[in-house]
Structure formats: structure tokens, C-alpha cells
C-alpha atoms as a PDB file:
ATOM      1  CA  UNK A   1      -0.004   0.058  -0.172  1.00  0.00           C
ATOM      2  CA  UNK A   2       1.584   3.676  -0.842  1.00  0.00           C
ATOM      3  CA  UNK A   3       2.154   5.917   2.194  1.00  0.00           C
ATOM      4  CA  UNK A   4      -0.408   8.558   1.284  1.00  0.00           C
ATOM      5  CA  UNK A   5      -2.970   5.629   0.788  1.00  0.00           C
ATOM      6  CA  UNK A   6      -4.141   6.899   4.712  1.00  0.00           C
ATOM      7  CA  UNK A   7      -5.168   9.999   2.877  1.00  0.00           C
ATOM      8  CA  UNK A   8      -7.630   8.672   0.852  1.00  0.00           C
ATOM      9  CA  UNK A   9      -9.208   6.487   3.343  1.00  0.00           C
ATOM     10  CA  UNK A  10     -12.887   7.327   4.754  1.00  0.00           C
ATOM     11  CA  UNK A  11     -12.317   8.931   8.550  1.00  0.00           C
ATOM     12  CA  UNK A  12     -14.523   8.036  11.540  1.00  0.00           C
ATOM     13  CA  UNK A  13     -15.961  11.361  11.165  1.00  0.00           C
ATOM     14  CA  UNK A  14     -17.152  11.385   7.512  1.00  0.00           C
ATOM     15  CA  UNK A  15     -18.669   7.133   8.536  1.00  0.00           C
ATOM     16  CA  UNK A  16     -20.264   8.711  11.570  1.00  0.00           C
ATOM     17  CA  UNK A  17     -22.019  11.298   9.496  1.00  0.00           C
ATOM     18  CA  UNK A  18     -23.013   9.394   6.822  1.00  0.00           C
ATOM     19  CA  UNK A  19     -26.361   8.186   8.383  1.00  0.00           C
ATOM     20  CA  UNK A  20     -26.989  11.645   9.679  1.00  0.00           C
ATOM     21  CA  UNK A  21     -26.205  13.656   6.079  1.00  0.00           C
ATOM     22  CA  UNK A  22     -28.429  10.368   4.104  1.00  0.00           C
ATOM     23  CA  UNK A  23     -31.060  10.962   6.866  1.00  0.00           C
ATOM     24  CA  UNK A  24     -31.376  14.989   6.387  1.00  0.00           C
ATOM     25  CA  UNK A  25     -30.722  14.896   2.320  1.00  0.00           C
ATOM     26  CA  UNK A  26     -33.772  12.359   2.912  1.00  0.00           C
ATOM     27  CA  UNK A  27     -35.949  14.543   4.926  1.00  0.00           C
ATOM     28  CA  UNK A  28     -35.159  17.744   2.825  1.00  0.00           C
ATOM     29  CA  UNK A  29     -36.205  15.805  -0.476  1.00  0.00           C
ATOM     30  CA  UNK A  30     -40.028  15.282   1.261  1.00  0.00           C
ATOM     31  CA  UNK A  31     -40.300  18.751   2.137  1.00  0.00           C
ATOM     32  CA  UNK A  32     -39.333  20.200  -1.185  1.00  0.00           C
ATOM     33  CA  UNK A  33     -41.919  17.422  -2.993  1.00  0.00           C
ATOM     34  CA  UNK A  34     -44.661  18.985  -0.202  1.00  0.00           C
ATOM     35  CA  UNK A  35     -43.829  22.462  -1.793  1.00  0.00           C
ATOM     36  CA  UNK A  36     -43.327  21.394  -5.355  1.00  0.00           C
ATOM     37  CA  UNK A  37     -47.077  19.470  -4.740  1.00  0.00           C
ATOM     38  CA  UNK A  38     -48.743  23.025  -2.792  1.00  0.00           C
ATOM     39  CA  UNK A  39     -47.115  25.122  -5.781  1.00  0.00           C
ATOM     40  CA  UNK A  40     -47.672  22.692  -8.905  1.00  0.00           C
ATOM     41  CA  UNK A  41     -50.682  20.833  -7.717  1.00  0.00           C
ATOM     42  CA  UNK A  42     -51.675  17.609 -10.138  1.00  0.00           C
ATOM     43  CA  UNK A  43     -48.767  18.428 -13.136  1.00  0.00           C
ATOM     44  CA  UNK A  44     -46.415  18.008  -9.350  1.00  0.00           C
ATOM     45  CA  UNK A  45     -48.612  14.506  -8.795  1.00  0.00           C
ATOM     46  CA  UNK A  46     -48.576  13.454 -12.064  1.00  0.00           C
ATOM     47  CA  UNK A  47     -45.103  14.108 -11.850  1.00  0.00           C
ATOM     48  CA  UNK A  48     -44.261  12.326  -8.786  1.00  0.00           C
ATOM     49  CA  UNK A  49     -46.735   9.401  -9.520  1.00  0.00           C
ATOM     50  CA  UNK A  50     -43.669   8.640 -12.958  1.00  0.00           C
ATOM     51  CA  UNK A  51     -40.689   9.912 -11.747  1.00  0.00           C
ATOM     52  CA  UNK A  52     -39.137   7.591  -8.510  1.00  0.00           C
ATOM     53  CA  UNK A  53     -37.702   9.858  -6.002  1.00  0.00           C
ATOM     54  CA  UNK A  54     -34.311   8.060  -5.176  1.00  0.00           C
ATOM     55  CA  UNK A  55     -33.501   5.708  -7.924  1.00  0.00           C
ATOM     56  CA  UNK A  56     -33.649   6.410 -11.492  1.00  0.00           C
ATOM     57  CA  UNK A  57     -35.505   3.930 -12.992  1.00  0.00           C
ATOM     58  CA  UNK A  58     -34.505   2.216 -15.942  1.00  0.00           C
ATOM     59  CA  UNK A  59     -38.066  -0.424 -17.524  1.00  0.00           C
ATOM     60  CA  UNK A  60     -38.963  -0.284 -20.593  1.00  0.00           C
ATOM     61  CA  UNK A  61     -42.442  -0.239 -19.265  1.00  0.00           C
ATOM     62  CA  UNK A  62     -45.144   2.309 -19.789  1.00  0.00           C
ATOM     63  CA  UNK A  63     -44.945   3.405 -15.981  1.00  0.00           C
ATOM     64  CA  UNK A  64     -41.798   4.837 -16.995  1.00  0.00           C
ATOM     65  CA  UNK A  65     -42.708   6.752 -19.884  1.00  0.00           C
ATOM     66  CA  UNK A  66     -41.752  11.061 -19.091  1.00  0.00           C
ATOM     67  CA  UNK A  67     -45.125  12.940 -17.905  1.00  0.00           C
ATOM     68  CA  UNK A  68     -46.498  14.968 -20.923  1.00  0.00           C
ATOM     69  CA  UNK A  69     -47.750  18.126 -19.203  1.00  0.00           C
ATOM     70  CA  UNK A  70     -45.650  19.773 -21.349  1.00  0.00           C
ATOM     71  CA  UNK A  71     -47.258  19.979 -25.013  1.00  0.00           C
ATOM     72  CA  UNK A  72     -44.569  22.753 -26.650  1.00  0.00           C
ATOM     73  CA  UNK A  73     -47.346  24.719 -28.070  1.00  0.00           C
END
């Protein structure tokens, strides 16, 4: 192992902070979703129903199609 390999290894502080940061991110995302739903109503609910919150879906079924709320007219 190279002499400077320890500089790139996660520290105990990093490992301790990771779950805290994940929880904070999830709470922020849920709060943002509530704000968006209040601002955009049904258009947001349609988008949220078709879009995964955290992990993208790569399936080719009908549920994975983009929402056509913007027709470009």
C-alpha cells in the first residue's frame, strides 16, 4: 500500500456523518416535494407518480414514460 493511501481512506468522522447526511437529504427531498405539490398541484402529482424519488428506473414499461404535461404549443 502506498504511503499516502491513508489520506484517501474514510475517516471515522466521515463514517459517522454519512447516515446523518442521508437522513437530512431524505427529509429535505420530502419537504421539497411537499412544497412542489402545493405550488403545482395535479401537474406535480402526475410527475411524481411517473418519476422515482431517489433511484432512477431504467425499465421500459409504460410507467417509466415521461409525463406529457408540456406539449410545446
